[in-house]
C-alpha atoms as a PDB file:
ATOM      1  CA  MET A   1       1.979  -7.218 -14.543  1.00  0.00           C
ATOM      2  CA  ASN A   2       2.622  -7.540 -10.823  1.00  0.00           C
ATOM      3  CA  HIS A   3       0.717  -5.164  -8.558  1.00  0.00           C
ATOM      4  CA  ILE A   4       2.357  -3.760  -5.437  1.00  0.00           C
ATOM      5  CA  LEU A   5       0.268  -2.062  -2.761  1.00  0.00           C
ATOM      6  CA  VAL A   6       1.898   0.929  -1.062  1.00  0.00           C
ATOM      7  CA  VAL A   7       0.373   1.990   2.273  1.00  0.00           C
ATOM      8  CA  GLU A   8       2.091   5.018   3.819  1.00  0.00           C
ATOM      9  CA  ASP A   9       0.663   8.124   5.475  1.00  0.00           C
ATOM     10  CA  GLU A  10       3.721  10.376   5.049  1.00  0.00           C
ATOM     11  CA  ASN A  11       3.186  11.979   1.651  1.00  0.00           C
ATOM     12  CA  TRP A  12       6.835  12.382   0.632  1.00  0.00           C
ATOM     13  CA  LEU A  13       7.678   8.782   1.567  1.00  0.00           C
ATOM     14  CA  ALA A  14       4.535   7.421  -0.111  1.00  0.00           C
ATOM     15  CA  MET A  15       5.418   9.181  -3.349  1.00  0.00           C
ATOM     16  CA  GLU A  16       9.067   8.061  -3.170  1.00  0.00           C
ATOM     17  CA  LEU A  17       8.059   4.420  -2.639  1.00  0.00           C
ATOM     18  CA  ALA A  18       5.543   4.583  -5.485  1.00  0.00           C
ATOM     19  CA  TRP A  19       8.176   6.068  -7.784  1.00  0.00           C
ATOM     20  CA  LEU A  20      10.729   3.372  -6.875  1.00  0.00           C
ATOM     21  CA  VAL A  21       8.199   0.599  -7.485  1.00  0.00           C
ATOM     22  CA  GLN A  22       7.221   2.068 -10.862  1.00  0.00           C
ATOM     23  CA  GLU A  23      10.856   2.526 -11.865  1.00  0.00           C
ATOM     24  CA  ALA A  24      11.422  -1.169 -11.100  1.00  0.00           C
ATOM     25  CA  GLY A  25       8.713  -2.005 -13.639  1.00  0.00           C
ATOM     26  CA  TYR A  26       5.772  -2.867 -11.380  1.00  0.00           C
ATOM     27  CA  ALA A  27       2.235  -1.500 -11.207  1.00  0.00           C
ATOM     28  CA  VAL A  28       1.563   0.537  -8.061  1.00  0.00           C
ATOM     29  CA  LEU A  29      -1.687   0.293  -6.169  1.00  0.00           C
ATOM     30  CA  GLY A  30      -1.939   3.414  -4.056  1.00  0.00           C
ATOM     31  CA  PRO A  31      -0.299   4.932  -2.271  1.00  0.00           C
ATOM     32  CA  GLU A  32      -3.065   4.525   0.271  1.00  0.00           C
ATOM     33  CA  ARG A  33      -2.924   6.558   3.468  1.00  0.00           C
ATOM     34  CA  THR A  34      -5.448   4.832   5.768  1.00  0.00           C
ATOM     35  CA  VAL A  35      -6.550   1.324   6.641  1.00  0.00           C
ATOM     36  CA  ALA A  36      -9.967   1.993   5.081  1.00  0.00           C
ATOM     37  CA  GLU A  37      -8.427   3.173   1.793  1.00  0.00           C
ATOM     38  CA  ALA A  38      -6.150   0.124   1.666  1.00  0.00           C
ATOM     39  CA  GLN A  39      -9.017  -2.259   2.409  1.00  0.00           C
ATOM     40  CA  LEU A  40     -11.049  -0.733  -0.404  1.00  0.00           C
ATOM     41  CA  ALA A  41      -8.114  -1.037  -2.798  1.00  0.00           C
ATOM     42  CA  LEU A  42      -7.605  -4.688  -1.827  1.00  0.00           C
ATOM     43  CA  SER A  43     -11.228  -5.436  -2.593  1.00  0.00           C
ATOM     44  CA  ARG A  44     -10.737  -4.180  -6.166  1.00  0.00           C
ATOM     45  CA  VAL A  45      -7.357  -5.555  -7.261  1.00  0.00           C
ATOM     46  CA  LYS A  46      -5.358  -8.700  -6.541  1.00  0.00           C
ATOM     47  CA  ILE A  47      -1.893  -7.728  -5.344  1.00  0.00           C
ATOM     48  CA  ASP A  48       1.396  -9.591  -5.409  1.00  0.00           C
ATOM     49  CA  LEU A  49       3.267  -7.635  -2.723  1.00  0.00           C
ATOM     50  CA  ALA A  50       2.498  -4.991  -0.095  1.00  0.00           C
ATOM     51  CA  LEU A  51       4.737  -2.299   1.354  1.00  0.00           C
ATOM     52  CA  LEU A  52       3.063  -1.353   4.630  1.00  0.00           C
ATOM     53  CA  ASP A  53       3.817   1.388   7.140  1.00  0.00           C
ATOM     54  CA  ILE A  54       3.059  -0.094  10.579  1.00  0.00           C
ATOM     55  CA  ARG A  55       1.569   3.082  12.044  1.00  0.00           C
ATOM     56  CA  LEU A  56      -0.893   5.147  10.020  1.00  0.00           C
ATOM     57  CA  GLY A  57      -1.717   8.130  12.188  1.00  0.00           C
ATOM     58  CA  SER A  58      -3.589   6.748  15.187  1.00  0.00           C
ATOM     59  CA  GLU A  59      -4.227   3.296  13.668  1.00  0.00           C
ATOM     60  CA  THR A  60      -2.030   0.324  12.844  1.00  0.00           C
ATOM     61  CA  VAL A  61      -1.790  -1.570   9.585  1.00  0.00           C
ATOM     62  CA  PHE A  62      -2.507  -4.980  11.153  1.00  0.00           C
ATOM     63  CA  PRO A  63      -6.074  -5.273   9.759  1.00  0.00           C
ATOM     64  CA  ILE A  64      -4.571  -5.000   6.285  1.00  0.00           C
ATOM     65  CA  SER A  65      -1.896  -7.601   6.993  1.00  0.00           C
ATOM     66  CA  GLN A  66      -4.620  -9.979   8.170  1.00  0.00           C
ATOM     67  CA  MET A  67      -6.479  -9.497   4.873  1.00  0.00           C
ATOM     68  CA  LEU A  68      -3.298 -10.463   3.015  1.00  0.00           C
ATOM     69  CA  GLU A  69      -2.794 -13.775   4.801  1.00  0.00           C
END
């Protein structure tokens, strides 16, 4: 099964994205709300796709995107 990482700090949007991904038949990793949480999740599971919010509070998601390259 394909794993899709959801990284979003707005709770309602994170849950909506996770629901849409699950309804489409994919396994959801997350939703994660911080860069640290996402990095930890990436160290545990190989993902096939990531849905990333650019700004997570006061930090950006770019460290995660670099891990995915």
